[in-house]
Amino acid sequence: MTLFSLSAAADALEDHLDHERKMILSGQIDGLLRASGEKQRLLKRLPSASESDEVIQRLRRKAERNQELLLAAARGIKSAARRVDSLRTSSGSLRTYGRDGATADLTNARGGVNRHA
């Protein structure tokens, strides 16, 4: 009976983790928040002492995979926020690239017209 309940609980949790992965990859963060309660419920259904370490290891790998995806998404969001913030605070600065590939800030460049003959 324990093996059956482990299998049913593990299968349900594995399906949930796969669905969670799809939500992460598609950017459905609000869906992740709603699904967190279900994941907690499924985790509680797993027996504390299992005869099948292979099943538990597979579930652990999937959970760790999802955690890595969430961390990568968080880094991407933070990077985008920093970029938006830098665009807001740049107040019209203009950066360009020279022939050597180095960046140059043209904000403080002397204005006017070049009148060479």
PDB file of N, CA and C in Angstrom:
ATOM      1  N   MET A   1       0.823  -1.193   0.000  1.00  0.00           N
ATOM      2  CA  MET A   1       0.000   0.000   0.000  1.00  0.00           C
ATOM      3  C   MET A   1       0.869   1.259   0.000  1.00  0.00           C
ATOM      4  N   THR A   2       1.991   1.199   0.721  1.00  0.00           N
ATOM      5  CA  THR A   2       2.875   2.357   0.771  1.00  0.00           C
ATOM      6  C   THR A   2       3.436   2.665  -0.599  1.00  0.00           C
ATOM      7  N   LEU A   3       3.822   1.629  -1.327  1.00  0.00           N
ATOM      8  CA  LEU A   3       4.377   1.836  -2.660  1.00  0.00           C
ATOM      9  C   LEU A   3       3.344   2.482  -3.573  1.00  0.00           C
ATOM     10  N   PHE A   4       2.101   2.031  -3.496  1.00  0.00           N
ATOM     11  CA  PHE A   4       1.060   2.625  -4.326  1.00  0.00           C
ATOM     12  C   PHE A   4       0.857   4.105  -3.985  1.00  0.00           C
ATOM     13  N   SER A   5       0.797   4.433  -2.689  1.00  0.00           N
ATOM     14  CA  SER A   5       0.574   5.826  -2.316  1.00  0.00           C
ATOM     15  C   SER A   5       1.781   6.675  -2.678  1.00  0.00           C
ATOM     16  N   LEU A   6       2.992   6.112  -2.573  1.00  0.00           N
ATOM     17  CA  LEU A   6       4.183   6.839  -3.006  1.00  0.00           C
ATOM     18  C   LEU A   6       4.111   7.090  -4.501  1.00  0.00           C
ATOM     19  N   SER A   7       3.740   6.074  -5.242  1.00  0.00           N
ATOM     20  CA  SER A   7       3.674   6.203  -6.691  1.00  0.00           C
ATOM     21  C   SER A   7       2.635   7.240  -7.107  1.00  0.00           C
ATOM     22  N   ALA A   8       1.463   7.193  -6.496  1.00  0.00           N
ATOM     23  CA  ALA A   8       0.406   8.146  -6.851  1.00  0.00           C
ATOM     24  C   ALA A   8       0.811   9.568  -6.470  1.00  0.00           C
ATOM     25  N   ALA A   9       1.365   9.724  -5.277  1.00  0.00           N
ATOM     26  CA  ALA A   9       1.789  11.057  -4.835  1.00  0.00           C
ATOM     27  C   ALA A   9       2.944  11.561  -5.681  1.00  0.00           C
ATOM     28  N   ALA A  10       3.881  10.680  -5.986  1.00  0.00           N
ATOM     29  CA  ALA A  10       5.038  11.066  -6.796  1.00  0.00           C
ATOM     30  C   ALA A  10       4.616  11.428  -8.215  1.00  0.00           C
ATOM     31  N   ASP A  11       3.714  10.648  -8.788  1.00  0.00           N
ATOM     32  CA  ASP A  11       3.237  10.946 -10.142  1.00  0.00           C
ATOM     33  C   ASP A  11       2.530  12.294 -10.191  1.00  0.00           C
ATOM     34  N   ALA A  12       1.698  12.555  -9.196  1.00  0.00           N
ATOM     35  CA  ALA A  12       0.984  13.831  -9.155  1.00  0.00           C
ATOM     36  C   ALA A  12       1.961  14.987  -8.985  1.00  0.00           C
ATOM     37  N   LEU A  13       2.950  14.821  -8.117  1.00  0.00           N
ATOM     38  CA  LEU A  13       3.937  15.881  -7.909  1.00  0.00           C
ATOM     39  C   LEU A  13       4.798  16.075  -9.149  1.00  0.00           C
ATOM     40  N   GLU A  14       5.167  14.987  -9.802  1.00  0.00           N
ATOM     41  CA  GLU A  14       5.965  15.094 -11.026  1.00  0.00           C
ATOM     42  C   GLU A  14       5.195  15.838 -12.118  1.00  0.00           C
ATOM     43  N   ASP A  15       3.929  15.526 -12.277  1.00  0.00           N
ATOM     44  CA  ASP A  15       3.093  16.257 -13.240  1.00  0.00           C
ATOM     45  C   ASP A  15       3.026  17.738 -12.880  1.00  0.00           C
ATOM     46  N   HIS A  16       2.888  18.007 -11.599  1.00  0.00           N
ATOM     47  CA  HIS A  16       2.812  19.402 -11.139  1.00  0.00           C
ATOM     48  C   HIS A  16       4.121  20.135 -11.433  1.00  0.00           C
ATOM     49  N   LEU A  17       5.270  19.500 -11.179  1.00  0.00           N
ATOM     50  CA  LEU A  17       6.569  20.123 -11.441  1.00  0.00           C
ATOM     51  C   LEU A  17       6.774  20.373 -12.936  1.00  0.00           C
ATOM     52  N   ASP A  18       6.302  19.445 -13.770  1.00  0.00           N
ATOM     53  CA  ASP A  18       6.395  19.655 -15.218  1.00  0.00           C
ATOM     54  C   ASP A  18       5.530  20.830 -15.661  1.00  0.00           C
ATOM     55  N   HIS A  19       4.339  20.921 -15.074  1.00  0.00           N
ATOM     56  CA  HIS A  19       3.446  22.047 -15.378  1.00  0.00           C
ATOM     57  C   HIS A  19       4.055  23.363 -14.879  1.00  0.00           C
ATOM     58  N   GLU A  20       4.665  23.320 -13.711  1.00  0.00           N
ATOM     59  CA  GLU A  20       5.336  24.495 -13.161  1.00  0.00           C
ATOM     60  C   GLU A  20       6.444  24.964 -14.102  1.00  0.00           C
ATOM     61  N   ARG A  21       7.205  24.033 -14.642  1.00  0.00           N
ATOM     62  CA  ARG A  21       8.276  24.369 -15.590  1.00  0.00           C
ATOM     63  C   ARG A  21       7.708  25.095 -16.811  1.00  0.00           C
ATOM     64  N   LYS A  22       6.606  24.586 -17.330  1.00  0.00           N
ATOM     65  CA  LYS A  22       5.983  25.237 -18.493  1.00  0.00           C
ATOM     66  C   LYS A  22       5.535  26.658 -18.152  1.00  0.00           C
ATOM     67  N   MET A  23       4.991  26.838 -16.954  1.00  0.00           N
ATOM     68  CA  MET A  23       4.568  28.180 -16.544  1.00  0.00           C
ATOM     69  C   MET A  23       5.766  29.118 -16.422  1.00  0.00           C
ATOM     70  N   ILE A  24       6.870  28.621 -15.877  1.00  0.00           N
ATOM     71  CA  ILE A  24       8.070  29.448 -15.749  1.00  0.00           C
ATOM     72  C   ILE A  24       8.561  29.865 -17.128  1.00  0.00           C
ATOM     73  N   LEU A  25       8.661  28.895 -18.028  1.00  0.00           N
ATOM     74  CA  LEU A  25       9.186  29.182 -19.366  1.00  0.00           C
ATOM     75  C   LEU A  25       8.282  30.107 -20.174  1.00  0.00           C
ATOM     76  N   SER A  26       6.992  30.089 -19.885  1.00  0.00           N
ATOM     77  CA  SER A  26       6.068  30.955 -20.617  1.00  0.00           C
ATOM     78  C   SER A  26       5.813  32.277 -19.884  1.00  0.00           C
ATOM     79  N   GLY A  27       6.455  32.460 -18.736  1.00  0.00           N
ATOM     80  CA  GLY A  27       6.335  33.725 -18.017  1.00  0.00           C
ATOM     81  C   GLY A  27       5.055  33.893 -17.227  1.00  0.00           C
ATOM     82  N   GLN A  28       4.381  32.816 -16.902  1.00  0.00           N
ATOM     83  CA  GLN A  28       3.123  32.891 -16.153  1.00  0.00           C
ATOM     84  C   GLN A  28       3.398  32.893 -14.647  1.00  0.00           C
ATOM     85  N   ILE A  29       4.019  33.968 -14.181  1.00  0.00           N
ATOM     86  CA  ILE A  29       4.415  34.056 -12.782  1.00  0.00           C
ATOM     87  C   ILE A  29       3.197  34.035 -11.859  1.00  0.00           C
ATOM     88  N   ASP A  30       2.111  34.668 -12.275  1.00  0.00           N
ATOM     89  CA  ASP A  30       0.907  34.662 -11.437  1.00  0.00           C
ATOM     90  C   ASP A  30       0.357  33.244 -11.272  1.00  0.00           C
ATOM     91  N   GLY A  31       0.493  32.418 -12.299  1.00  0.00           N
ATOM     92  CA  GLY A  31       0.072  31.022 -12.202  1.00  0.00           C
ATOM     93  C   GLY A  31       0.912  30.245 -11.203  1.00  0.00           C
ATOM     94  N   LEU A  32       2.190  30.597 -11.119  1.00  0.00           N
ATOM     95  CA  LEU A  32       3.061  29.938 -10.140  1.00  0.00           C
ATOM     96  C   LEU A  32       2.619  30.235  -8.719  1.00  0.00           C
ATOM     97  N   LEU A  33       2.222  31.462  -8.495  1.00  0.00           N
ATOM     98  CA  LEU A  33       1.761  31.827  -7.152  1.00  0.00           C
ATOM     99  C   LEU A  33       0.504  31.042  -6.776  1.00  0.00           C
ATOM    100  N   ARG A  34      -0.411  30.918  -7.725  1.00  0.00           N
ATOM    101  CA  ARG A  34      -1.646  30.175  -7.453  1.00  0.00           C
ATOM    102  C   ARG A  34      -1.363  28.690  -7.242  1.00  0.00           C
ATOM    103  N   ALA A  35      -0.370  28.152  -7.946  1.00  0.00           N
ATOM    104  CA  ALA A  35      -0.081  26.720  -7.888  1.00  0.00           C
ATOM    105  C   ALA A  35       0.783  26.318  -6.696  1.00  0.00           C
ATOM    106  N   SER A  36       1.336  27.281  -5.989  1.00  0.00           N
ATOM    107  CA  SER A  36       2.235  26.932  -4.884  1.00  0.00           C
ATOM    108  C   SER A  36       1.517  26.168  -3.771  1.00  0.00           C
ATOM    109  N   GLY A  37       0.279  26.488  -3.524  1.00  0.00           N
ATOM    110  CA  GLY A  37      -0.487  25.769  -2.506  1.00  0.00           C
ATOM    111  C   GLY A  37      -0.693  24.310  -2.880  1.00  0.00           C
ATOM    112  N   GLU A  38      -0.950  24.062  -4.148  1.00  0.00           N
ATOM    113  CA  GLU A  38      -1.119  22.684  -4.624  1.00  0.00           C
ATOM    114  C   GLU A  38       0.183  21.907  -4.469  1.00  0.00           C
ATOM    115  N   LYS A  39       1.300  22.551  -4.763  1.00  0.00           N
ATOM    116  CA  LYS A  39       2.585  21.866  -4.627  1.00  0.00           C
ATOM    117  C   LYS A  39       2.829  21.496  -3.162  1.00  0.00           C
ATOM    118  N   GLN A  40       2.512  22.395  -2.248  1.00  0.00           N
ATOM    119  CA  GLN A  40       2.673  22.089  -0.826  1.00  0.00           C
ATOM    120  C   GLN A  40       1.806  20.891  -0.424  1.00  0.00           C
ATOM    121  N   ARG A  41       0.588  20.853  -0.926  1.00  0.00           N
ATOM    122  CA  ARG A  41      -0.319  19.742  -0.615  1.00  0.00           C
ATOM    123  C   ARG A  41       0.249  18.425  -1.136  1.00  0.00           C
ATOM    124  N   LEU A  42       0.790  18.450  -2.358  1.00  0.00           N
ATOM    125  CA  LEU A  42       1.355  17.231  -2.939  1.00  0.00           C
ATOM    126  C   LEU A  42       2.611  16.785  -2.191  1.00  0.00           C
ATOM    127  N   LEU A  43       3.410  17.731  -1.760  1.00  0.00           N
ATOM    128  CA  LEU A  43       4.616  17.378  -1.000  1.00  0.00           C
ATOM    129  C   LEU A  43       4.254  16.688   0.314  1.00  0.00           C
ATOM    130  N   LYS A  44       3.184  17.128   0.937  1.00  0.00           N
ATOM    131  CA  LYS A  44       2.751  16.520   2.201  1.00  0.00           C
ATOM    132  C   LYS A  44       2.248  15.098   1.994  1.00  0.00           C
ATOM    133  N   ARG A  45       1.778  14.796   0.786  1.00  0.00           N
ATOM    134  CA  ARG A  45       1.284  13.445   0.502  1.00  0.00           C
ATOM    135  C   ARG A  45       2.409  12.431   0.360  1.00  0.00           C
ATOM    136  N   LEU A  46       3.625  12.899   0.087  1.00  0.00           N
ATOM    137  CA  LEU A  46       4.745  11.967  -0.055  1.00  0.00           C
ATOM    138  C   LEU A  46       5.069  11.369   1.311  1.00  0.00           C
ATOM    139  N   PRO A  47       5.297  10.069   1.346  1.00  0.00           N
ATOM    140  CA  PRO A  47       5.701   9.462   2.620  1.00  0.00           C
ATOM    141  C   PRO A  47       7.059  10.002   3.057  1.00  0.00           C
ATOM    142  N   SER A  48       7.262  10.123   4.364  1.00  0.00           N
ATOM    143  CA  SER A  48       8.531  10.668   4.854  1.00  0.00           C
ATOM    144  C   SER A  48       9.669   9.674   4.655  1.00  0.00           C
ATOM    145  N   ALA A  49       9.433   8.408   4.808  1.00  0.00           N
ATOM    146  CA  ALA A  49      10.454   7.387   4.567  1.00  0.00           C
ATOM    147  C   ALA A  49      10.043   6.601   3.327  1.00  0.00           C
ATOM    148  N   SER A  50      10.876   6.651   2.327  1.00  0.00           N
ATOM    149  CA  SER A  50      10.510   6.030   1.053  1.00  0.00           C
ATOM    150  C   SER A  50      11.422   4.860   0.749  1.00  0.00           C
ATOM    151  N   GLU A  51      10.848   3.826   0.159  1.00  0.00           N
ATOM    152  CA  GLU A  51      11.655   2.704  -0.306  1.00  0.00           C
ATOM    153  C   GLU A  51      12.252   3.007  -1.679  1.00  0.00           C
ATOM    154  N   SER A  52      11.775   4.019  -2.348  1.00  0.00           N
ATOM    155  CA  SER A  52      12.208   4.297  -3.711  1.00  0.00           C
ATOM    156  C   SER A  52      12.985   5.611  -3.770  1.00  0.00           C
ATOM    157  N   ASP A  53      14.292   5.522  -3.531  1.00  0.00           N
ATOM    158  CA  ASP A  53      15.129   6.712  -3.609  1.00  0.00           C
ATOM    159  C   ASP A  53      15.189   7.260  -5.028  1.00  0.00           C
ATOM    160  N   GLU A  54      15.061   6.378  -6.009  1.00  0.00           N
ATOM    161  CA  GLU A  54      15.098   6.810  -7.416  1.00  0.00           C
ATOM    162  C   GLU A  54      13.971   7.794  -7.718  1.00  0.00           C
ATOM    163  N   VAL A  55      12.783   7.521  -7.229  1.00  0.00           N
ATOM    164  CA  VAL A  55      11.635   8.408  -7.446  1.00  0.00           C
ATOM    165  C   VAL A  55      11.875   9.749  -6.767  1.00  0.00           C
ATOM    166  N   ILE A  56      12.338   9.710  -5.545  1.00  0.00           N
ATOM    167  CA  ILE A  56      12.589  10.949  -4.803  1.00  0.00           C
ATOM    168  C   ILE A  56      13.688  11.761  -5.479  1.00  0.00           C
ATOM    169  N   GLN A  57      14.735  11.108  -5.956  1.00  0.00           N
ATOM    170  CA  GLN A  57      15.821  11.819  -6.645  1.00  0.00           C
ATOM    171  C   GLN A  57      15.323  12.466  -7.935  1.00  0.00           C
ATOM    172  N   ARG A  58      14.454  11.776  -8.663  1.00  0.00           N
ATOM    173  CA  ARG A  58      13.888  12.341  -9.893  1.00  0.00           C
ATOM    174  C   ARG A  58      13.065  13.587  -9.574  1.00  0.00           C
ATOM    175  N   LEU A  59      12.275  13.520  -8.521  1.00  0.00           N
ATOM    176  CA  LEU A  59      11.484  14.680  -8.111  1.00  0.00           C
ATOM    177  C   LEU A  59      12.394  15.826  -7.666  1.00  0.00           C
ATOM    178  N   ARG A  60      13.450  15.489  -6.940  1.00  0.00           N
ATOM    179  CA  ARG A  60      14.396  16.518  -6.478  1.00  0.00           C
ATOM    180  C   ARG A  60      15.057  17.210  -7.670  1.00  0.00           C
ATOM    181  N   ARG A  61      15.462  16.427  -8.680  1.00  0.00           N
ATOM    182  CA  ARG A  61      16.087  17.025  -9.880  1.00  0.00           C
ATOM    183  C   ARG A  61      15.131  17.974 -10.591  1.00  0.00           C
ATOM    184  N   LYS A  62      13.876  17.596 -10.685  1.00  0.00           N
ATOM    185  CA  LYS A  62      12.895  18.464 -11.343  1.00  0.00           C
ATOM    186  C   LYS A  62      12.653  19.736 -10.534  1.00  0.00           C
ATOM    187  N   ALA A  63      12.580  19.599  -9.220  1.00  0.00           N
ATOM    188  CA  ALA A  63      12.382  20.778  -8.377  1.00  0.00           C
ATOM    189  C   ALA A  63      13.594  21.699  -8.467  1.00  0.00           C
ATOM    190  N   GLU A  64      14.794  21.138  -8.473  1.00  0.00           N
ATOM    191  CA  GLU A  64      16.006  21.951  -8.600  1.00  0.00           C
ATOM    192  C   GLU A  64      16.080  22.627  -9.963  1.00  0.00           C
ATOM    193  N   ARG A  65      15.651  21.924 -11.002  1.00  0.00           N
ATOM    194  CA  ARG A  65      15.603  22.507 -12.352  1.00  0.00           C
ATOM    195  C   ARG A  65      14.678  23.720 -12.363  1.00  0.00           C
ATOM    196  N   ASN A  66      13.517  23.576 -11.763  1.00  0.00           N
ATOM    197  CA  ASN A  66      12.573  24.692 -11.714  1.00  0.00           C
ATOM    198  C   ASN A  66      13.131  25.846 -10.896  1.00  0.00           C
ATOM    199  N   GLN A  67      13.838  25.524  -9.815  1.00  0.00           N
ATOM    200  CA  GLN A  67      14.439  26.575  -9.003  1.00  0.00           C
ATOM    201  C   GLN A  67      15.490  27.337  -9.807  1.00  0.00           C
ATOM    202  N   GLU A  68      16.302  26.635 -10.581  1.00  0.00           N
ATOM    203  CA  GLU A  68      17.301  27.295 -11.421  1.00  0.00           C
ATOM    204  C   GLU A  68      16.633  28.187 -12.465  1.00  0.00           C
ATOM    205  N   LEU A  69      15.530  27.719 -13.044  1.00  0.00           N
ATOM    206  CA  LEU A  69      14.802  28.534 -14.011  1.00  0.00           C
ATOM    207  C   LEU A  69      14.242  29.798 -13.358  1.00  0.00           C
ATOM    208  N   LEU A  70      13.711  29.658 -12.158  1.00  0.00           N
ATOM    209  CA  LEU A  70      13.182  30.827 -11.451  1.00  0.00           C
ATOM    210  C   LEU A  70      14.282  31.821 -11.109  1.00  0.00           C
ATOM    211  N   LEU A  71      15.442  31.317 -10.697  1.00  0.00           N
ATOM    212  CA  LEU A  71      16.565  32.214 -10.395  1.00  0.00           C
ATOM    213  C   LEU A  71      17.039  32.941 -11.651  1.00  0.00           C
ATOM    214  N   ALA A  72      17.079  32.229 -12.768  1.00  0.00           N
ATOM    215  CA  ALA A  72      17.473  32.860 -14.033  1.00  0.00           C
ATOM    216  C   ALA A  72      16.451  33.912 -14.444  1.00  0.00           C
ATOM    217  N   ALA A  73      15.176  33.619 -14.254  1.00  0.00           N
ATOM    218  CA  ALA A  73      14.133  34.599 -14.574  1.00  0.00           C
ATOM    219  C   ALA A  73      14.262  35.833 -13.687  1.00  0.00           C
ATOM    220  N   ALA A  74      14.561  35.622 -12.412  1.00  0.00           N
ATOM    221  CA  ALA A  74      14.731  36.751 -11.486  1.00  0.00           C
ATOM    222  C   ALA A  74      15.927  37.604 -11.911  1.00  0.00           C
ATOM    223  N   ARG A  75      17.026  36.964 -12.321  1.00  0.00           N
ATOM    224  CA  ARG A  75      18.187  37.732 -12.797  1.00  0.00           C
ATOM    225  C   ARG A  75      17.826  38.531 -14.040  1.00  0.00           C
ATOM    226  N   GLY A  76      17.063  37.943 -14.938  1.00  0.00           N
ATOM    227  CA  GLY A  76      16.642  38.651 -16.142  1.00  0.00           C
ATOM    228  C   GLY A  76      15.757  39.836 -15.832  1.00  0.00           C
ATOM    229  N   ILE A  77      14.849  39.669 -14.897  1.00  0.00           N
ATOM    230  CA  ILE A  77      13.958  40.771 -14.512  1.00  0.00           C
ATOM    231  C   ILE A  77      14.759  41.892 -13.871  1.00  0.00           C
ATOM    232  N   LYS A  78      15.709  41.540 -13.009  1.00  0.00           N
ATOM    233  CA  LYS A  78      16.543  42.559 -12.374  1.00  0.00           C
ATOM    234  C   LYS A  78      17.387  43.298 -13.411  1.00  0.00           C
ATOM    235  N   SER A  79      17.911  42.571 -14.376  1.00  0.00           N
ATOM    236  CA  SER A  79      18.711  43.199 -15.425  1.00  0.00           C
ATOM    237  C   SER A  79      17.864  44.156 -16.254  1.00  0.00           C
ATOM    238  N   ALA A  80      16.662  43.732 -16.588  1.00  0.00           N
ATOM    239  CA  ALA A  80      15.765  44.599 -17.353  1.00  0.00           C
ATOM    240  C   ALA A  80      15.390  45.837 -16.547  1.00  0.00           C
ATOM    241  N   ALA A  81      15.161  45.670 -15.256  1.00  0.00           N
ATOM    242  CA  ALA A  81      14.824  46.813 -14.409  1.00  0.00           C
ATOM    243  C   ALA A  81      15.989  47.800 -14.338  1.00  0.00           C
ATOM    244  N   ARG A  82      17.214  47.272 -14.217  1.00  0.00           N
ATOM    245  CA  ARG A  82      18.386  48.160 -14.205  1.00  0.00           C
ATOM    246  C   ARG A  82      18.513  48.907 -15.527  1.00  0.00           C
ATOM    247  N   ARG A  83      18.254  48.218 -16.624  1.00  0.00           N
ATOM    248  CA  ARG A  83      18.354  48.844 -17.943  1.00  0.00           C
ATOM    249  C   ARG A  83      17.302  49.940 -18.101  1.00  0.00           C
ATOM    250  N   VAL A  84      16.080  49.677 -17.696  1.00  0.00           N
ATOM    251  CA  VAL A  84      15.015  50.682 -17.768  1.00  0.00           C
ATOM    252  C   VAL A  84      15.371  51.874 -16.889  1.00  0.00           C
ATOM    253  N   ASP A  85      15.896  51.590 -15.697  1.00  0.00           N
ATOM    254  CA  ASP A  85      16.290  52.665 -14.796  1.00  0.00           C
ATOM    255  C   ASP A  85      17.413  53.502 -15.407  1.00  0.00           C
ATOM    256  N   SER A  86      18.376  52.859 -16.038  1.00  0.00           N
ATOM    257  CA  SER A  86      19.467  53.621 -16.646  1.00  0.00           C
ATOM    258  C   SER A  86      18.962  54.459 -17.816  1.00  0.00           C
ATOM    259  N   LEU A  87      17.976  53.970 -18.547  1.00  0.00           N
ATOM    260  CA  LEU A  87      17.403  54.760 -19.635  1.00  0.00           C
ATOM    261  C   LEU A  87      16.643  55.968 -19.096  1.00  0.00           C
ATOM    262  N   ARG A  88      15.968  55.775 -17.950  1.00  0.00           N
ATOM    263  CA  ARG A  88      15.232  56.877 -17.341  1.00  0.00           C
ATOM    264  C   ARG A  88      16.163  57.960 -16.826  1.00  0.00           C
ATOM    265  N   THR A  89      17.257  57.564 -16.228  1.00  0.00           N
ATOM    266  CA  THR A  89      18.158  58.528 -15.602  1.00  0.00           C
ATOM    267  C   THR A  89      19.209  59.076 -16.551  1.00  0.00           C
ATOM    268  N   SER A  90      19.257  58.569 -17.770  1.00  0.00           N
ATOM    269  CA  SER A  90      20.293  59.025 -18.695  1.00  0.00           C
ATOM    270  C   SER A  90      20.050  60.455 -19.163  1.00  0.00           C
ATOM    271  N   SER A  91      18.840  60.946 -19.057  1.00  0.00           N
ATOM    272  CA  SER A  91      18.427  62.302 -19.433  1.00  0.00           C
ATOM    273  C   SER A  91      18.982  62.742 -20.784  1.00  0.00           C
ATOM    274  N   GLY A  92      18.789  61.894 -21.744  1.00  0.00           N
ATOM    275  CA  GLY A  92      19.108  62.280 -23.117  1.00  0.00           C
ATOM    276  C   GLY A  92      20.565  62.123 -23.506  1.00  0.00           C
ATOM    277  N   SER A  93      21.346  61.399 -22.757  1.00  0.00           N
ATOM    278  CA  SER A  93      22.742  61.225 -23.145  1.00  0.00           C
ATOM    279  C   SER A  93      22.808  60.359 -24.394  1.00  0.00           C
ATOM    280  N   LEU A  94      23.862  60.553 -25.125  1.00  0.00           N
ATOM    281  CA  LEU A  94      24.038  59.801 -26.364  1.00  0.00           C
ATOM    282  C   LEU A  94      25.382  59.115 -26.322  1.00  0.00           C
ATOM    283  N   ARG A  95      25.342  57.798 -26.428  1.00  0.00           N
ATOM    284  CA  ARG A  95      26.582  57.022 -26.464  1.00  0.00           C
ATOM    285  C   ARG A  95      26.709  56.424 -27.849  1.00  0.00           C
ATOM    286  N   THR A  96      27.927  56.431 -28.339  1.00  0.00           N
ATOM    287  CA  THR A  96      28.194  55.895 -29.659  1.00  0.00           C
ATOM    288  C   THR A  96      29.470  55.067 -29.607  1.00  0.00           C
ATOM    289  N   TYR A  97      29.819  54.437 -30.699  1.00  0.00           N
ATOM    290  CA  TYR A  97      31.012  53.606 -30.771  1.00  0.00           C
ATOM    291  C   TYR A  97      31.957  54.175 -31.816  1.00  0.00           C
ATOM    292  N   GLY A  98      33.235  54.145 -31.506  1.00  0.00           N
ATOM    293  CA  GLY A  98      34.252  54.587 -32.442  1.00  0.00           C
ATOM    294  C   GLY A  98      34.706  53.446 -33.330  1.00  0.00           C
ATOM    295  N   ARG A  99      35.665  53.716 -34.219  1.00  0.00           N
ATOM    296  CA  ARG A  99      36.175  52.677 -35.120  1.00  0.00           C
ATOM    297  C   ARG A  99      36.828  51.535 -34.370  1.00  0.00           C
ATOM    298  N   ASP A 100      37.407  51.849 -33.221  1.00  0.00           N
ATOM    299  CA  ASP A 100      38.080  50.822 -32.426  1.00  0.00           C
ATOM    300  C   ASP A 100      37.110  50.039 -31.535  1.00  0.00           C
ATOM    301  N   GLY A 101      35.838  50.377 -31.547  1.00  0.00           N
ATOM    302  CA  GLY A 101      34.836  49.674 -30.752  1.00  0.00           C
ATOM    303  C   GLY A 101      34.623  50.253 -29.375  1.00  0.00           C
ATOM    304  N   ALA A 102      35.418  51.256 -29.017  1.00  0.00           N
ATOM    305  CA  ALA A 102      35.267  51.885 -27.698  1.00  0.00           C
ATOM    306  C   ALA A 102      34.038  52.786 -27.701  1.00  0.00           C
ATOM    307  N   THR A 103      33.374  52.865 -26.554  1.00  0.00           N
ATOM    308  CA  THR A 103      32.197  53.727 -26.453  1.00  0.00           C
ATOM    309  C   THR A 103      32.628  55.152 -26.162  1.00  0.00           C
ATOM    310  N   ALA A 104      31.832  56.073 -26.634  1.00  0.00           N
ATOM    311  CA  ALA A 104      32.079  57.492 -26.384  1.00  0.00           C
ATOM    312  C   ALA A 104      30.761  58.131 -25.997  1.00  0.00           C
ATOM    313  N   ASP A 105      30.805  58.964 -24.980  1.00  0.00           N
ATOM    314  CA  ASP A 105      29.619  59.670 -24.505  1.00  0.00           C
ATOM    315  C   ASP A 105      29.595  61.028 -25.188  1.00  0.00           C
ATOM    316  N   LEU A 106      28.586  61.276 -26.000  1.00  0.00           N
ATOM    317  CA  LEU A 106      28.498  62.524 -26.760  1.00  0.00           C
ATOM    318  C   LEU A 106      27.672  63.591 -26.047  1.00  0.00           C
ATOM    319  N   THR A 107      27.235  63.307 -24.823  1.00  0.00           N
ATOM    320  CA  THR A 107      26.413  64.265 -24.093  1.00  0.00           C
ATOM    321  C   THR A 107      27.163  65.554 -23.823  1.00  0.00           C
ATOM    322  N   ASN A 108      28.411  65.445 -23.454  1.00  0.00           N
ATOM    323  CA  ASN A 108      29.197  66.617 -23.093  1.00  0.00           C
ATOM    324  C   ASN A 108      30.008  67.154 -24.270  1.00  0.00           C
ATOM    325  N   ALA A 109      29.717  66.678 -25.451  1.00  0.00           N
ATOM    326  CA  ALA A 109      30.455  67.142 -26.627  1.00  0.00           C
ATOM    327  C   ALA A 109      30.118  68.611 -26.899  1.00  0.00           C
ATOM    328  N   ARG A 110      31.098  69.313 -27.419  1.00  0.00           N
ATOM    329  CA  ARG A 110      30.900  70.741 -27.714  1.00  0.00           C
ATOM    330  C   ARG A 110      29.948  70.852 -28.905  1.00  0.00           C
ATOM    331  N   GLY A 111      28.908  71.653 -28.734  1.00  0.00           N
ATOM    332  CA  GLY A 111      27.937  71.838 -29.796  1.00  0.00           C
ATOM    333  C   GLY A 111      28.411  72.841 -30.808  1.00  0.00           C
ATOM    334  N   GLY A 112      27.684  73.019 -31.820  1.00  0.00           N
ATOM    335  CA  GLY A 112      28.026  74.019 -32.827  1.00  0.00           C
ATOM    336  C   GLY A 112      28.218  73.375 -34.181  1.00  0.00           C
ATOM    337  N   VAL A 113      28.582  74.193 -35.092  1.00  0.00           N
ATOM    338  CA  VAL A 113      28.754  73.743 -36.468  1.00  0.00           C
ATOM    339  C   VAL A 113      30.239  73.777 -36.800  1.00  0.00           C
ATOM    340  N   ASN A 114      30.709  72.743 -37.431  1.00  0.00           N
ATOM    341  CA  ASN A 114      32.105  72.679 -37.858  1.00  0.00           C
ATOM    342  C   ASN A 114      32.226  73.434 -39.166  1.00  0.00           C
ATOM    343  N   ARG A 115      33.015  74.505 -39.192  1.00  0.00           N
ATOM    344  CA  ARG A 115      33.088  75.377 -40.368  1.00  0.00           C
ATOM    345  C   ARG A 115      34.463  75.310 -41.024  1.00  0.00           C
ATOM    346  N   HIS A 116      34.916  74.170 -41.316  1.00  0.00           N
ATOM    347  CA  HIS A 116      36.201  74.019 -42.012  1.00  0.00           C
ATOM    348  C   HIS A 116      35.942  74.106 -43.509  1.00  0.00           C
ATOM    349  N   ALA A 117      36.866  74.774 -44.183  1.00  0.00           N
ATOM    350  CA  ALA A 117      36.704  74.955 -45.618  1.00  0.00           C
ATOM    351  C   ALA A 117      37.305  73.846 -46.399  1.00  0.00           C
TER     352      ALA A 117
END
